[in-house]
Amino acid sequence: MATQEFLIEPFDNQVLATVGGHLDENFRLIEKRFGVEINNRANVFKIIGDEEHIAMARHIILALFEEVEQTQSLSKETLHLIIQSGAQALSQSSHEKQHDVVIKTKRGQIRPRGLNQQKYVENILSSDVTFGIGPAGTGKTYLAVAAAVDSLERQEVRRILLTRPAVEAGEKLGFLPGDLNQKVDPYLRPLYDALYEMLGFERVAKLMERNVIEVAPLAYMRGRTLNEAFIIMDESQNTTVEQMKMFLTRIGFNSRAVVTGDITQVDLPRGKVSGLRQAIDILDGVKGVKFSFFQAGDVVRHPVVQRIVRAYEAVELAKSKSSASSHLSDTEE
């Protein structure tokens, strides 16, 4: 067991109260997560535990103080995100230290959390086509929209185009009344939500009126060539092979594309090959195309979501092993 003491300076009692939470519940959460003991008197902190865990806890406490000093608040969501990203960052070896990548929007700065998010944003900023592949809650779509908004604000592109295949997730929605926008809105709602958060409802509405921002189902991409655009395709695991090829060949001059998806949640009819699955094999190593793969540990939602994703991954792995074993037995016979 080791012990480390450190000071928080400059110090503010109100900031300390916000960081600690009711009855220091936030410090107790850090203790439970890393198996350490945290004691403090005013701005003097003492942490007891394994050296590696002490370093993680200290890093997270300092990050919490910085967050509260900047925003004057600390939500439960932000607390969990800082704890998770701090653990991920410090668990990397020294030669894998993260670069300070920041995406700027009108609503403030967006910082990728964790090494995989950092690499994902770096790929987006440096590549013509970036694939973000992994489970829900890893920030794939949100960061892609943030990068698109940043590029538009800096006039690197003239428009943003957001699309996704209109495939029901195991449900039959039936006939949807209304005009085209009202029919496809349920499929595109996550993209709208990210835009509203970063630009505000009124600004998004004005930009959409001028076609600076366009949100459309994938079927409407056929026959178009998109120049000077930031193009995002969400839920790409539900594209067919033909749709994926069609989308990727829409990219014009001075354009950038981001393709996001989760190959474990394909909702295509049985027998249809996912365009995303095939693209991973075909485009690996192609110049200008980068892949970012996320895992359960990158999920930045409630901690239980990580555990749910891992449980499903374990079942899928067992199925694939069983299938491979069965296939081997058949060939031997």
C-alpha atoms as a PDB file:
ATOM      1  CA  MET A   1       0.000   0.000   0.000  1.00  0.00           C
ATOM      2  CA  ALA A   2       1.187   3.507  -0.829  1.00  0.00           C
ATOM      3  CA  THR A   3       0.105   6.996   0.205  1.00  0.00           C
ATOM      4  CA  GLN A   4       0.189  10.252  -1.738  1.00  0.00           C
ATOM      5  CA  GLU A   5      -0.659  13.779  -0.603  1.00  0.00           C
ATOM      6  CA  PHE A   6      -1.272  16.767  -2.862  1.00  0.00           C
ATOM      7  CA  LEU A   7      -2.703  20.296  -2.763  1.00  0.00           C
ATOM      8  CA  ILE A   8      -5.459  21.819  -4.868  1.00  0.00           C
ATOM      9  CA  GLU A   9      -4.533  25.412  -5.726  1.00  0.00           C
ATOM     10  CA  PRO A  10      -6.116  27.879  -6.160  1.00  0.00           C
ATOM     11  CA  PHE A  11      -8.801  26.645  -3.790  1.00  0.00           C
ATOM     12  CA  ASP A  12     -12.506  27.455  -3.470  1.00  0.00           C
ATOM     13  CA  ASN A  13     -14.780  25.833  -0.881  1.00  0.00           C
ATOM     14  CA  GLN A  14     -17.807  26.021  -3.190  1.00  0.00           C
ATOM     15  CA  VAL A  15     -15.911  24.234  -5.943  1.00  0.00           C
ATOM     16  CA  LEU A  16     -14.863  21.544  -3.440  1.00  0.00           C
ATOM     17  CA  ALA A  17     -18.489  21.047  -2.355  1.00  0.00           C
ATOM     18  CA  THR A  18     -19.581  20.621  -5.978  1.00  0.00           C
ATOM     19  CA  VAL A  19     -16.729  18.233  -6.810  1.00  0.00           C
ATOM     20  CA  GLY A  20     -17.331  16.085  -3.726  1.00  0.00           C
ATOM     21  CA  GLY A  21     -21.106  15.992  -4.072  1.00  0.00           C
ATOM     22  CA  HIS A  22     -23.600  15.345  -1.280  1.00  0.00           C
ATOM     23  CA  LEU A  23     -21.753  13.808   1.679  1.00  0.00           C
ATOM     24  CA  ASP A  24     -18.685  13.342  -0.577  1.00  0.00           C
ATOM     25  CA  GLU A  25     -20.573  10.746  -2.636  1.00  0.00           C
ATOM     26  CA  ASN A  26     -18.422  11.496  -5.697  1.00  0.00           C
ATOM     27  CA  PHE A  27     -15.219  10.721  -3.787  1.00  0.00           C
ATOM     28  CA  ARG A  28     -16.818   7.500  -2.518  1.00  0.00           C
ATOM     29  CA  LEU A  29     -17.600   6.554  -6.140  1.00  0.00           C
ATOM     30  CA  ILE A  30     -13.941   7.040  -7.122  1.00  0.00           C
ATOM     31  CA  GLU A  31     -12.868   4.969  -4.094  1.00  0.00           C
ATOM     32  CA  LYS A  32     -15.177   2.121  -5.120  1.00  0.00           C
ATOM     33  CA  ARG A  33     -14.054   2.250  -8.772  1.00  0.00           C
ATOM     34  CA  PHE A  34     -10.307   2.141  -8.063  1.00  0.00           C
ATOM     35  CA  GLY A  35     -10.066   0.484  -4.672  1.00  0.00           C
ATOM     36  CA  VAL A  36      -8.462   3.467  -2.941  1.00  0.00           C
ATOM     37  CA  GLU A  37      -9.163   5.561   0.154  1.00  0.00           C
ATOM     38  CA  ILE A  38      -9.568   9.332  -0.287  1.00  0.00           C
ATOM     39  CA  ASN A  39      -9.261  11.745   2.635  1.00  0.00           C
ATOM     40  CA  ASN A  40      -9.119  15.513   2.561  1.00  0.00           C
ATOM     41  CA  ARG A  41      -9.006  18.557   4.766  1.00  0.00           C
ATOM     42  CA  ALA A  42      -9.953  21.594   2.726  1.00  0.00           C
ATOM     43  CA  ASN A  43      -7.473  21.634  -0.193  1.00  0.00           C
ATOM     44  CA  VAL A  44      -5.122  18.953   1.194  1.00  0.00           C
ATOM     45  CA  PHE A  45      -5.873  15.507  -0.251  1.00  0.00           C
ATOM     46  CA  LYS A  46      -4.448  12.138   0.782  1.00  0.00           C
ATOM     47  CA  ILE A  47      -5.024   8.970  -1.247  1.00  0.00           C
ATOM     48  CA  ILE A  48      -4.154   5.481   0.009  1.00  0.00           C
ATOM     49  CA  GLY A  49      -3.936   2.405  -2.217  1.00  0.00           C
ATOM     50  CA  ASP A  50      -1.898   0.836  -5.004  1.00  0.00           C
ATOM     51  CA  GLU A  51       0.401   3.306  -6.750  1.00  0.00           C
ATOM     52  CA  GLU A  52      -1.247   2.903 -10.156  1.00  0.00           C
ATOM     53  CA  HIS A  53      -4.748   3.373  -8.713  1.00  0.00           C
ATOM     54  CA  ILE A  54      -3.595   6.375  -6.683  1.00  0.00           C
ATOM     55  CA  ALA A  55      -2.354   8.002  -9.894  1.00  0.00           C
ATOM     56  CA  MET A  56      -5.711   7.364 -11.581  1.00  0.00           C
ATOM     57  CA  ALA A  57      -7.720   8.733  -8.635  1.00  0.00           C
ATOM     58  CA  ARG A  58      -5.521  11.847  -8.365  1.00  0.00           C
ATOM     59  CA  HIS A  59      -5.811  12.492 -12.108  1.00  0.00           C
ATOM     60  CA  ILE A  60      -9.613  12.227 -11.939  1.00  0.00           C
ATOM     61  CA  ILE A  61      -9.933  14.493  -8.883  1.00  0.00           C
ATOM     62  CA  LEU A  62      -7.856  17.178 -10.610  1.00  0.00           C
ATOM     63  CA  ALA A  63      -9.974  16.806 -13.769  1.00  0.00           C
ATOM     64  CA  LEU A  64     -13.169  17.206 -11.717  1.00  0.00           C
ATOM     65  CA  PHE A  65     -11.857  20.403 -10.128  1.00  0.00           C
ATOM     66  CA  GLU A  66     -10.943  21.762 -13.569  1.00  0.00           C
ATOM     67  CA  GLU A  67     -14.412  20.916 -14.913  1.00  0.00           C
ATOM     68  CA  VAL A  68     -16.235  22.623 -12.040  1.00  0.00           C
ATOM     69  CA  GLU A  69     -13.999  25.715 -12.162  1.00  0.00           C
ATOM     70  CA  GLN A  70     -14.845  26.095 -15.868  1.00  0.00           C
ATOM     71  CA  THR A  71     -18.564  25.263 -15.823  1.00  0.00           C
ATOM     72  CA  GLN A  72     -19.606  25.870 -12.185  1.00  0.00           C
ATOM     73  CA  SER A  73     -21.469  22.560 -12.235  1.00  0.00           C
ATOM     74  CA  LEU A  74     -20.984  18.792 -12.319  1.00  0.00           C
ATOM     75  CA  SER A  75     -23.680  16.483 -13.650  1.00  0.00           C
ATOM     76  CA  LYS A  76     -23.778  12.760 -12.942  1.00  0.00           C
ATOM     77  CA  GLU A  77     -23.155  12.102 -16.622  1.00  0.00           C
ATOM     78  CA  THR A  78     -20.049  14.310 -16.686  1.00  0.00           C
ATOM     79  CA  LEU A  79     -18.784  12.688 -13.490  1.00  0.00           C
ATOM     80  CA  HIS A  80     -19.026   9.192 -15.006  1.00  0.00           C
ATOM     81  CA  LEU A  81     -17.437  10.350 -18.269  1.00  0.00           C
ATOM     82  CA  ILE A  82     -14.455  11.913 -16.486  1.00  0.00           C
ATOM     83  CA  ILE A  83     -13.947   8.818 -14.334  1.00  0.00           C
ATOM     84  CA  GLN A  84     -14.069   6.549 -17.370  1.00  0.00           C
ATOM     85  CA  SER A  85     -11.896   8.676 -19.655  1.00  0.00           C
ATOM     86  CA  GLY A  86      -9.348   9.238 -16.890  1.00  0.00           C
ATOM     87  CA  ALA A  87      -9.042   5.516 -16.316  1.00  0.00           C
ATOM     88  CA  GLN A  88      -8.638   4.873 -20.038  1.00  0.00           C
ATOM     89  CA  ALA A  89      -6.034   7.598 -20.501  1.00  0.00           C
ATOM     90  CA  LEU A  90      -3.840   6.523 -17.605  1.00  0.00           C
ATOM     91  CA  SER A  91      -4.060   2.832 -18.462  1.00  0.00           C
ATOM     92  CA  GLN A  92      -2.261   3.522 -21.753  1.00  0.00           C
ATOM     93  CA  SER A  93       1.513   3.182 -21.833  1.00  0.00           C
ATOM     94  CA  SER A  94       3.587   6.362 -21.940  1.00  0.00           C
ATOM     95  CA  HIS A  95       4.245   6.150 -25.685  1.00  0.00           C
ATOM     96  CA  GLU A  96       0.483   6.155 -26.317  1.00  0.00           C
ATOM     97  CA  LYS A  97      -0.225   9.511 -24.669  1.00  0.00           C
ATOM     98  CA  GLN A  98      -3.158  11.320 -26.223  1.00  0.00           C
ATOM     99  CA  HIS A  99      -2.846  14.503 -28.241  1.00  0.00           C
ATOM    100  CA  ASP A 100      -5.043  17.394 -27.173  1.00  0.00           C
ATOM    101  CA  VAL A 101      -7.619  17.220 -29.974  1.00  0.00           C
ATOM    102  CA  VAL A 102     -10.464  19.707 -29.527  1.00  0.00           C
ATOM    103  CA  ILE A 103     -13.524  20.296 -31.716  1.00  0.00           C
ATOM    104  CA  LYS A 104     -14.927  23.825 -31.441  1.00  0.00           C
ATOM    105  CA  THR A 105     -18.617  24.644 -31.921  1.00  0.00           C
ATOM    106  CA  LYS A 106     -20.763  27.685 -31.083  1.00  0.00           C
ATOM    107  CA  ARG A 107     -21.938  25.895 -27.941  1.00  0.00           C
ATOM    108  CA  GLY A 108     -18.390  25.300 -26.682  1.00  0.00           C
ATOM    109  CA  GLN A 109     -15.471  22.907 -27.016  1.00  0.00           C
ATOM    110  CA  ILE A 110     -15.941  19.166 -27.437  1.00  0.00           C
ATOM    111  CA  ARG A 111     -13.057  17.006 -26.254  1.00  0.00           C
ATOM    112  CA  PRO A 112     -12.829  13.331 -27.248  1.00  0.00           C
ATOM    113  CA  ARG A 113     -12.743  11.046 -24.219  1.00  0.00           C
ATOM    114  CA  GLY A 114     -10.400   8.093 -24.268  1.00  0.00           C
ATOM    115  CA  LEU A 115      -7.701   7.005 -26.695  1.00  0.00           C
ATOM    116  CA  ASN A 116     -10.058   5.488 -29.284  1.00  0.00           C
ATOM    117  CA  GLN A 117     -12.154   8.651 -29.504  1.00  0.00           C
ATOM    118  CA  GLN A 118      -8.958  10.693 -29.884  1.00  0.00           C
ATOM    119  CA  LYS A 119      -7.737   8.495 -32.741  1.00  0.00           C
ATOM    120  CA  TYR A 120     -11.191   8.563 -34.333  1.00  0.00           C
ATOM    121  CA  VAL A 121     -11.266  12.378 -34.420  1.00  0.00           C
ATOM    122  CA  GLU A 122      -7.684  12.496 -35.693  1.00  0.00           C
ATOM    123  CA  ASN A 123      -8.701  10.113 -38.505  1.00  0.00           C
ATOM    124  CA  ILE A 124     -11.696  12.293 -39.382  1.00  0.00           C
ATOM    125  CA  LEU A 125      -9.531  15.421 -39.557  1.00  0.00           C
ATOM    126  CA  SER A 126      -6.794  13.800 -41.639  1.00  0.00           C
ATOM    127  CA  SER A 127      -8.606  11.361 -43.969  1.00  0.00           C
ATOM    128  CA  ASP A 128     -10.992  11.576 -46.904  1.00  0.00           C
ATOM    129  CA  VAL A 129     -13.141   8.709 -45.604  1.00  0.00           C
ATOM    130  CA  THR A 130     -13.309   7.550 -41.983  1.00  0.00           C
ATOM    131  CA  PHE A 131     -15.183   4.519 -40.667  1.00  0.00           C
ATOM    132  CA  GLY A 132     -16.255   4.552 -37.015  1.00  0.00           C
ATOM    133  CA  ILE A 133     -17.297   1.036 -36.028  1.00  0.00           C
ATOM    134  CA  GLY A 134     -18.458  -0.147 -32.615  1.00  0.00           C
ATOM    135  CA  PRO A 135     -21.330  -0.418 -30.135  1.00  0.00           C
ATOM    136  CA  ALA A 136     -23.888   2.269 -29.366  1.00  0.00           C
ATOM    137  CA  GLY A 137     -22.827   4.935 -26.883  1.00  0.00           C
ATOM    138  CA  THR A 138     -19.200   5.245 -27.998  1.00  0.00           C
ATOM    139  CA  GLY A 139     -19.682   8.735 -29.470  1.00  0.00           C
ATOM    140  CA  LYS A 140     -19.274   7.763 -33.132  1.00  0.00           C
ATOM    141  CA  THR A 141     -22.137   9.836 -34.533  1.00  0.00           C
ATOM    142  CA  TYR A 142     -21.882  12.700 -32.047  1.00  0.00           C
ATOM    143  CA  LEU A 143     -18.187  13.321 -32.737  1.00  0.00           C
ATOM    144  CA  ALA A 144     -18.713  13.035 -36.490  1.00  0.00           C
ATOM    145  CA  VAL A 145     -21.464  15.685 -36.377  1.00  0.00           C
ATOM    146  CA  ALA A 146     -19.263  17.876 -34.167  1.00  0.00           C
ATOM    147  CA  ALA A 147     -16.403  17.637 -36.669  1.00  0.00           C
ATOM    148  CA  ALA A 148     -18.822  18.473 -39.496  1.00  0.00           C
ATOM    149  CA  VAL A 149     -20.122  21.559 -37.679  1.00  0.00           C
ATOM    150  CA  ASP A 150     -16.544  22.655 -36.928  1.00  0.00           C
ATOM    151  CA  SER A 151     -15.574  22.272 -40.608  1.00  0.00           C
ATOM    152  CA  LEU A 152     -18.614  24.286 -41.686  1.00  0.00           C
ATOM    153  CA  GLU A 153     -17.903  27.084 -39.188  1.00  0.00           C
ATOM    154  CA  ARG A 154     -14.300  27.317 -40.414  1.00  0.00           C
ATOM    155  CA  GLN A 155     -15.568  27.333 -44.024  1.00  0.00           C
ATOM    156  CA  GLU A 156     -13.605  24.220 -44.958  1.00  0.00           C
ATOM    157  CA  VAL A 157     -16.826  22.860 -46.475  1.00  0.00           C
ATOM    158  CA  ARG A 158     -19.890  24.609 -47.859  1.00  0.00           C
ATOM    159  CA  ARG A 159     -22.494  22.152 -46.637  1.00  0.00           C
ATOM    160  CA  ILE A 160     -23.224  19.225 -44.321  1.00  0.00           C
ATOM    161  CA  LEU A 161     -25.127  16.185 -45.509  1.00  0.00           C
ATOM    162  CA  LEU A 162     -26.389  13.588 -43.035  1.00  0.00           C
ATOM    163  CA  THR A 163     -27.920  10.313 -44.146  1.00  0.00           C
ATOM    164  CA  ARG A 164     -28.772   6.786 -43.040  1.00  0.00           C
ATOM    165  CA  PRO A 165     -30.581   3.776 -44.489  1.00  0.00           C
ATOM    166  CA  ALA A 166     -34.268   3.646 -43.558  1.00  0.00           C
ATOM    167  CA  VAL A 167     -34.372   0.162 -42.052  1.00  0.00           C
ATOM    168  CA  GLU A 168     -36.552  -0.671 -39.046  1.00  0.00           C
ATOM    169  CA  ALA A 169     -34.718  -2.149 -36.041  1.00  0.00           C
ATOM    170  CA  GLY A 170     -36.707  -5.371 -35.870  1.00  0.00           C
ATOM    171  CA  GLU A 171     -40.025  -3.510 -35.930  1.00  0.00           C
ATOM    172  CA  LYS A 172     -42.663  -2.787 -38.582  1.00  0.00           C
ATOM    173  CA  LEU A 173     -43.567   0.882 -38.343  1.00  0.00           C
ATOM    174  CA  GLY A 174     -46.270   0.609 -40.960  1.00  0.00           C
ATOM    175  CA  PHE A 175     -47.590   3.534 -42.984  1.00  0.00           C
ATOM    176  CA  LEU A 176     -46.266   6.870 -41.768  1.00  0.00           C
ATOM    177  CA  PRO A 177     -48.460   9.889 -42.585  1.00  0.00           C
ATOM    178  CA  GLY A 178     -47.127  13.300 -43.597  1.00  0.00           C
ATOM    179  CA  ASP A 179     -44.647  14.690 -46.097  1.00  0.00           C
ATOM    180  CA  LEU A 180     -41.193  13.267 -46.882  1.00  0.00           C
ATOM    181  CA  ASN A 181     -39.489  14.920 -43.892  1.00  0.00           C
ATOM    182  CA  GLN A 182     -42.150  13.642 -41.487  1.00  0.00           C
ATOM    183  CA  LYS A 183     -41.846  10.106 -42.887  1.00  0.00           C
ATOM    184  CA  VAL A 184     -38.065   9.869 -42.487  1.00  0.00           C
ATOM    185  CA  ASP A 185     -37.673  11.939 -39.294  1.00  0.00           C
ATOM    186  CA  PRO A 186     -37.960   8.911 -36.948  1.00  0.00           C
ATOM    187  CA  TYR A 187     -34.939   7.355 -38.646  1.00  0.00           C
ATOM    188  CA  LEU A 188     -32.847  10.534 -38.569  1.00  0.00           C
ATOM    189  CA  ARG A 189     -33.713  11.836 -35.107  1.00  0.00           C
ATOM    190  CA  PRO A 190     -30.280  11.111 -33.524  1.00  0.00           C
ATOM    191  CA  LEU A 191     -28.625  13.272 -36.191  1.00  0.00           C
ATOM    192  CA  TYR A 192     -31.074  16.128 -35.613  1.00  0.00           C
ATOM    193  CA  ASP A 193     -30.507  15.940 -31.854  1.00  0.00           C
ATOM    194  CA  ALA A 194     -26.733  16.305 -32.222  1.00  0.00           C
ATOM    195  CA  LEU A 195     -27.158  19.282 -34.580  1.00  0.00           C
ATOM    196  CA  TYR A 196     -29.601  21.041 -32.238  1.00  0.00           C
ATOM    197  CA  GLU A 197     -27.220  20.613 -29.308  1.00  0.00           C
ATOM    198  CA  MET A 198     -24.272  22.125 -31.190  1.00  0.00           C
ATOM    199  CA  LEU A 199     -25.927  24.870 -33.231  1.00  0.00           C
ATOM    200  CA  GLY A 200     -29.272  25.532 -31.583  1.00  0.00           C
ATOM    201  CA  PHE A 201     -32.729  24.859 -33.015  1.00  0.00           C
ATOM    202  CA  GLU A 202     -33.171  28.189 -34.832  1.00  0.00           C
ATOM    203  CA  ARG A 203     -29.751  28.121 -36.528  1.00  0.00           C
ATOM    204  CA  VAL A 204     -30.252  24.534 -37.703  1.00  0.00           C
ATOM    205  CA  ALA A 205     -33.678  25.442 -39.114  1.00  0.00           C
ATOM    206  CA  LYS A 206     -32.223  28.400 -41.052  1.00  0.00           C
ATOM    207  CA  LEU A 207     -29.313  26.359 -42.420  1.00  0.00           C
ATOM    208  CA  MET A 208     -31.685  23.610 -43.509  1.00  0.00           C
ATOM    209  CA  GLU A 209     -33.911  26.149 -45.282  1.00  0.00           C
ATOM    210  CA  ARG A 210     -30.864  27.266 -47.290  1.00  0.00           C
ATOM    211  CA  ASN A 211     -29.803  23.607 -47.906  1.00  0.00           C
ATOM    212  CA  VAL A 212     -26.505  24.245 -46.120  1.00  0.00           C
ATOM    213  CA  ILE A 213     -27.506  21.315 -43.907  1.00  0.00           C
ATOM    214  CA  GLU A 214     -29.364  18.460 -45.560  1.00  0.00           C
ATOM    215  CA  VAL A 215     -30.729  15.402 -43.805  1.00  0.00           C
ATOM    216  CA  ALA A 216     -32.021  12.690 -46.126  1.00  0.00           C
ATOM    217  CA  PRO A 217     -32.495   8.911 -46.401  1.00  0.00           C
ATOM    218  CA  LEU A 218     -29.730   7.029 -48.186  1.00  0.00           C
ATOM    219  CA  ALA A 219     -31.923   6.244 -51.217  1.00  0.00           C
ATOM    220  CA  TYR A 220     -31.837   9.944 -52.181  1.00  0.00           C
ATOM    221  CA  MET A 221     -28.031   9.884 -52.633  1.00  0.00           C
ATOM    222  CA  ARG A 222     -28.163   7.921 -55.891  1.00  0.00           C
ATOM    223  CA  GLY A 223     -27.028   9.874 -58.943  1.00  0.00           C
ATOM    224  CA  ARG A 224     -25.535  12.767 -56.978  1.00  0.00           C
ATOM    225  CA  THR A 225     -21.942  14.006 -56.739  1.00  0.00           C
ATOM    226  CA  LEU A 226     -21.240  15.904 -53.534  1.00  0.00           C
ATOM    227  CA  ASN A 227     -18.472  18.523 -53.739  1.00  0.00           C
ATOM    228  CA  GLU A 228     -17.206  20.671 -50.846  1.00  0.00           C
ATOM    229  CA  ALA A 229     -19.360  18.750 -48.393  1.00  0.00           C
ATOM    230  CA  PHE A 230     -18.997  16.962 -45.078  1.00  0.00           C
ATOM    231  CA  ILE A 231     -21.018  13.768 -45.482  1.00  0.00           C
ATOM    232  CA  ILE A 232     -22.008  11.474 -42.616  1.00  0.00           C
ATOM    233  CA  MET A 233     -23.753   8.121 -42.979  1.00  0.00           C
ATOM    234  CA  ASP A 234     -25.094   6.751 -39.705  1.00  0.00           C
ATOM    235  CA  GLU A 235     -26.245   3.153 -39.008  1.00  0.00           C
ATOM    236  CA  SER A 236     -24.243   1.951 -42.010  1.00  0.00           C
ATOM    237  CA  GLN A 237     -24.440  -1.686 -40.887  1.00  0.00           C
ATOM    238  CA  ASN A 238     -27.920  -1.634 -42.465  1.00  0.00           C
ATOM    239  CA  THR A 239     -26.674  -0.805 -45.955  1.00  0.00           C
ATOM    240  CA  THR A 240     -26.506  -3.477 -48.598  1.00  0.00           C
ATOM    241  CA  VAL A 241     -23.254  -4.001 -50.495  1.00  0.00           C
ATOM    242  CA  GLU A 242     -24.687  -2.042 -53.440  1.00  0.00           C
ATOM    243  CA  GLN A 243     -25.834   0.857 -51.232  1.00  0.00           C
ATOM    244  CA  MET A 244     -22.420   1.164 -49.571  1.00  0.00           C
ATOM    245  CA  LYS A 245     -20.655   1.287 -52.935  1.00  0.00           C
ATOM    246  CA  MET A 246     -23.188   3.844 -54.184  1.00  0.00           C
ATOM    247  CA  PHE A 247     -22.667   6.068 -51.138  1.00  0.00           C
ATOM    248  CA  LEU A 248     -18.881   5.975 -51.238  1.00  0.00           C
ATOM    249  CA  THR A 249     -18.841   6.881 -54.916  1.00  0.00           C
ATOM    250  CA  ARG A 250     -20.915  10.042 -54.234  1.00  0.00           C
ATOM    251  CA  ILE A 251     -17.905  11.761 -52.650  1.00  0.00           C
ATOM    252  CA  GLY A 252     -16.722  14.726 -54.728  1.00  0.00           C
ATOM    253  CA  PHE A 253     -13.828  17.192 -54.648  1.00  0.00           C
ATOM    254  CA  ASN A 254     -12.908  18.844 -51.325  1.00  0.00           C
ATOM    255  CA  SER A 255     -15.362  16.588 -49.524  1.00  0.00           C
ATOM    256  CA  ARG A 256     -14.966  14.405 -46.476  1.00  0.00           C
ATOM    257  CA  ALA A 257     -17.075  11.408 -45.435  1.00  0.00           C
ATOM    258  CA  VAL A 258     -17.616   9.633 -42.123  1.00  0.00           C
ATOM    259  CA  VAL A 259     -19.358   6.258 -42.002  1.00  0.00           C
ATOM    260  CA  THR A 260     -20.564   4.994 -38.611  1.00  0.00           C
ATOM    261  CA  GLY A 261     -22.124   1.676 -37.653  1.00  0.00           C
ATOM    262  CA  ASP A 262     -22.261  -1.331 -35.362  1.00  0.00           C
ATOM    263  CA  ILE A 263     -21.766  -4.656 -37.132  1.00  0.00           C
ATOM    264  CA  THR A 264     -23.372  -6.510 -34.201  1.00  0.00           C
ATOM    265  CA  GLN A 265     -26.749  -4.830 -34.833  1.00  0.00           C
ATOM    266  CA  VAL A 266     -27.572  -5.552 -38.472  1.00  0.00           C
ATOM    267  CA  ASP A 267     -31.313  -5.253 -39.219  1.00  0.00           C
ATOM    268  CA  LEU A 268     -31.176  -6.281 -42.873  1.00  0.00           C
ATOM    269  CA  PRO A 269     -33.411  -9.151 -44.099  1.00  0.00           C
ATOM    270  CA  ARG A 270     -31.942 -12.602 -43.591  1.00  0.00           C
ATOM    271  CA  GLY A 271     -29.486 -13.495 -46.357  1.00  0.00           C
ATOM    272  CA  LYS A 272     -28.530  -9.880 -47.137  1.00  0.00           C
ATOM    273  CA  VAL A 273     -24.831  -9.070 -46.645  1.00  0.00           C
ATOM    274  CA  SER A 274     -24.088  -5.865 -44.731  1.00  0.00           C
ATOM    275  CA  GLY A 275     -22.253  -3.306 -46.851  1.00  0.00           C
ATOM    276  CA  LEU A 276     -20.307  -2.237 -43.766  1.00  0.00           C
ATOM    277  CA  ARG A 277     -19.011  -5.761 -43.116  1.00  0.00           C
ATOM    278  CA  GLN A 278     -17.785  -6.067 -46.694  1.00  0.00           C
ATOM    279  CA  ALA A 279     -16.262  -2.556 -46.711  1.00  0.00           C
ATOM    280  CA  ILE A 280     -14.065  -3.477 -43.726  1.00  0.00           C
ATOM    281  CA  ASP A 281     -12.483  -6.253 -45.801  1.00  0.00           C
ATOM    282  CA  ILE A 282     -12.367  -4.504 -49.183  1.00  0.00           C
ATOM    283  CA  LEU A 283     -11.140  -1.047 -48.127  1.00  0.00           C
ATOM    284  CA  ASP A 284      -8.548  -2.036 -45.544  1.00  0.00           C
ATOM    285  CA  GLY A 285      -5.279  -0.417 -46.613  1.00  0.00           C
ATOM    286  CA  VAL A 286      -6.832   1.865 -49.254  1.00  0.00           C
ATOM    287  CA  LYS A 287      -5.096   5.264 -49.236  1.00  0.00           C
ATOM    288  CA  GLY A 288      -7.301   8.020 -47.821  1.00  0.00           C
ATOM    289  CA  VAL A 289      -9.532   5.580 -45.924  1.00  0.00           C
ATOM    290  CA  LYS A 290      -9.124   5.060 -42.159  1.00  0.00           C
ATOM    291  CA  PHE A 291     -10.904   2.756 -39.719  1.00  0.00           C
ATOM    292  CA  SER A 292     -11.582   3.350 -36.017  1.00  0.00           C
ATOM    293  CA  PHE A 293     -12.879   0.416 -33.991  1.00  0.00           C
ATOM    294  CA  PHE A 294     -14.572   0.932 -30.621  1.00  0.00           C
ATOM    295  CA  GLN A 295     -15.075  -1.631 -27.860  1.00  0.00           C
ATOM    296  CA  ALA A 296     -17.377  -1.967 -24.859  1.00  0.00           C
ATOM    297  CA  GLY A 297     -14.831  -0.078 -22.733  1.00  0.00           C
ATOM    298  CA  ASP A 298     -15.329   3.003 -24.940  1.00  0.00           C
ATOM    299  CA  VAL A 299     -19.036   3.321 -24.124  1.00  0.00           C
ATOM    300  CA  VAL A 300     -19.631   6.733 -22.563  1.00  0.00           C
ATOM    301  CA  ARG A 301     -23.166   6.175 -21.323  1.00  0.00           C
ATOM    302  CA  HIS A 302     -24.255   4.787 -17.960  1.00  0.00           C
ATOM    303  CA  PRO A 303     -21.731   2.157 -16.718  1.00  0.00           C
ATOM    304  CA  VAL A 304     -24.390  -0.559 -16.973  1.00  0.00           C
ATOM    305  CA  VAL A 305     -24.391  -0.070 -20.773  1.00  0.00           C
ATOM    306  CA  GLN A 306     -20.758  -1.243 -20.876  1.00  0.00           C
ATOM    307  CA  ARG A 307     -21.687  -4.371 -18.957  1.00  0.00           C
ATOM    308  CA  ILE A 308     -24.672  -5.035 -21.262  1.00  0.00           C
ATOM    309  CA  VAL A 309     -22.497  -4.655 -24.380  1.00  0.00           C
ATOM    310  CA  ARG A 310     -19.873  -7.019 -22.951  1.00  0.00           C
ATOM    311  CA  ALA A 311     -22.549  -9.608 -22.106  1.00  0.00           C
ATOM    312  CA  TYR A 312     -23.846  -9.578 -25.679  1.00  0.00           C
ATOM    313  CA  GLU A 313     -20.286  -9.696 -27.055  1.00  0.00           C
ATOM    314  CA  ALA A 314     -19.594 -12.799 -24.951  1.00  0.00           C
ATOM    315  CA  VAL A 315     -22.681 -14.538 -26.374  1.00  0.00           C
ATOM    316  CA  GLU A 316     -21.723 -13.606 -29.957  1.00  0.00           C
ATOM    317  CA  LEU A 317     -18.172 -14.871 -29.400  1.00  0.00           C
ATOM    318  CA  ALA A 318     -19.463 -18.180 -28.022  1.00  0.00           C
ATOM    319  CA  LYS A 319     -21.774 -18.554 -31.040  1.00  0.00           C
ATOM    320  CA  SER A 320     -18.978 -17.857 -33.516  1.00  0.00           C
ATOM    321  CA  LYS A 321     -16.689 -20.388 -31.805  1.00  0.00           C
ATOM    322  CA  SER A 322     -19.467 -22.985 -31.804  1.00  0.00           C
ATOM    323  CA  SER A 323     -20.183 -22.319 -35.489  1.00  0.00           C
ATOM    324  CA  ALA A 324     -16.488 -22.608 -36.394  1.00  0.00           C
ATOM    325  CA  SER A 325     -16.174 -25.858 -34.446  1.00  0.00           C
ATOM    326  CA  SER A 326     -19.267 -27.280 -36.151  1.00  0.00           C
ATOM    327  CA  HIS A 327     -17.947 -26.303 -39.589  1.00  0.00           C
ATOM    328  CA  LEU A 328     -14.591 -27.950 -38.827  1.00  0.00           C
ATOM    329  CA  SER A 329     -16.306 -31.174 -37.790  1.00  0.00           C
ATOM    330  CA  ASP A 330     -18.354 -31.227 -40.996  1.00  0.00           C
ATOM    331  CA  THR A 331     -15.231 -30.788 -43.184  1.00  0.00           C
ATOM    332  CA  GLU A 332     -13.392 -33.549 -41.317  1.00  0.00           C
ATOM    333  CA  GLU A 333     -16.257 -35.945 -41.985  1.00  0.00           C
END
